[in-house]
Protein backbone atom coordinates (compact mmCIF):
# COMPACT_ATOMS: atom_id res chain seq x y z
CA MET A 1 2.85 -17.39 -11.90
CA PHE A 2 4.42 -14.01 -11.14
CA TRP A 3 1.01 -12.33 -10.94
CA VAL A 4 -0.46 -15.00 -8.66
CA ILE A 5 2.40 -14.54 -6.19
CA THR A 6 2.12 -10.75 -6.54
CA ILE A 7 -1.61 -10.87 -5.76
CA ILE A 8 -1.10 -13.08 -2.70
CA VAL A 9 1.76 -10.94 -1.39
CA GLY A 10 -0.24 -7.80 -2.19
CA LEU A 11 -3.18 -9.08 -0.14
CA LEU A 12 -0.91 -9.88 2.79
CA VAL A 13 0.86 -6.51 2.56
CA GLY A 14 -2.49 -4.72 2.33
CA LEU A 15 -3.73 -6.50 5.45
CA VAL A 16 -0.53 -5.67 7.33
CA ALA A 17 -0.79 -2.02 6.28
CA ARG A 18 -4.42 -1.85 7.44
CA PHE A 19 -3.40 -3.44 10.74
CA LEU A 20 -0.54 -0.96 11.26
CA LEU A 21 -2.72 2.01 10.27
CA PRO A 22 -5.92 1.39 12.24
CA GLY A 23 -9.14 3.19 11.50
CA ARG A 24 -12.15 3.07 9.24
CA ASP A 25 -11.41 2.21 5.65
CA PRO A 26 -13.72 2.89 2.71
CA ILE A 27 -12.45 -0.25 0.96
CA GLY A 28 -13.16 -3.95 1.20
CA LEU A 29 -11.00 -7.02 0.77
CA ILE A 30 -10.53 -6.53 -2.98
CA GLY A 31 -9.59 -2.88 -2.41
CA THR A 32 -7.11 -4.00 0.21
CA MET A 33 -5.60 -6.42 -2.29
CA LEU A 34 -5.41 -3.76 -5.01
CA ILE A 35 -3.65 -1.18 -2.85
CA GLY A 36 -1.39 -3.94 -1.53
CA VAL A 37 -0.41 -4.96 -5.06
CA ALA A 38 0.17 -1.32 -6.01
CA GLY A 39 2.23 -0.78 -2.85
CA VAL A 40 4.32 -3.90 -3.45
CA LEU A 41 5.03 -3.03 -7.07
CA ILE A 42 5.88 0.63 -6.35
CA GLY A 43 7.80 -0.19 -3.16
CA THR A 44 9.83 -2.93 -4.82
CA TRP A 45 10.62 -0.67 -7.75
CA LEU A 46 11.69 2.15 -5.45
CA TRP A 47 13.82 -0.17 -3.34
CA GLU A 48 15.56 -1.95 -6.22
CA GLU A 49 15.90 0.78 -8.83
CA VAL A 50 16.02 4.06 -6.94
CA LEU A 51 17.44 3.33 -3.50
CA PHE A 52 19.60 0.28 -4.15
CA LYS A 53 20.69 -1.31 -7.38
CA LYS A 54 19.82 -4.90 -8.23
CA GLY A 55 22.21 -7.62 -7.24
CA ASN A 56 22.35 -6.89 -3.54
CA ASP A 57 21.20 -9.18 -0.75
CA ASN A 58 18.47 -6.84 0.49
CA GLU A 59 15.58 -8.36 -1.45
CA GLY A 60 13.53 -9.02 1.70
CA PHE A 61 13.50 -5.34 2.57
CA ALA A 62 11.61 -4.59 -0.64
CA ILE A 63 8.51 -6.05 1.03
CA PHE A 64 9.03 -3.59 3.90
CA ALA A 65 9.11 -0.77 1.35
CA GLY A 66 5.90 -2.20 -0.10
CA VAL A 67 4.21 -2.02 3.31
CA VAL A 68 5.31 1.59 3.77
CA VAL A 69 4.08 2.60 0.30
CA THR A 70 0.78 0.76 0.91
CA MET A 71 0.32 2.64 4.18
CA ILE A 72 0.89 5.92 2.34
CA ILE A 73 -1.66 4.96 -0.33
CA LEU A 74 -4.16 3.96 2.35
CA TRP A 75 -3.64 7.25 4.18
CA VAL A 76 -4.24 9.20 0.95
CA ILE A 77 -7.42 7.21 0.25
CA ARG A 78 -8.68 7.95 3.76
CA LYS A 79 -7.95 11.66 3.41
CA MET A 80 -9.66 11.81 0.04
CA SER A 81 -12.80 10.05 1.23
CA TYR A 82 -13.16 11.21 4.84
CA GLY A 83 -11.35 14.53 4.64
CA ARG A 84 -14.29 16.16 2.89
CA ALA A 85 -16.97 14.84 5.24
CA GLY A 86 -18.42 17.42 7.56
CA ARG A 87 -17.23 20.47 5.64
CA ARG A 88 -20.22 22.56 4.77
CA THR A 89 -20.27 26.08 3.51
CA ALA A 90 -22.70 28.63 4.85
CA LEU A 91 -24.87 30.42 2.34
């Protein structure tokens, strides 16, 4: 059940991140879900283990951290795929 909820939340977080970071994306709906799941897992881990210890009442802010991490992942994917386009070397 944990993974089903994680996938649904990951899809929603991925869609929110794509909405907040407009532009062309080289990914589809499944890619959006995958980066959303990665962002949620990394963001939640960073929020709970690195920034704040477990047992606090800030659990809802972990989703915010997931959105931020997902936006960073999306930005990196865009730079990796579109950053090279148009660069040609003269012979």
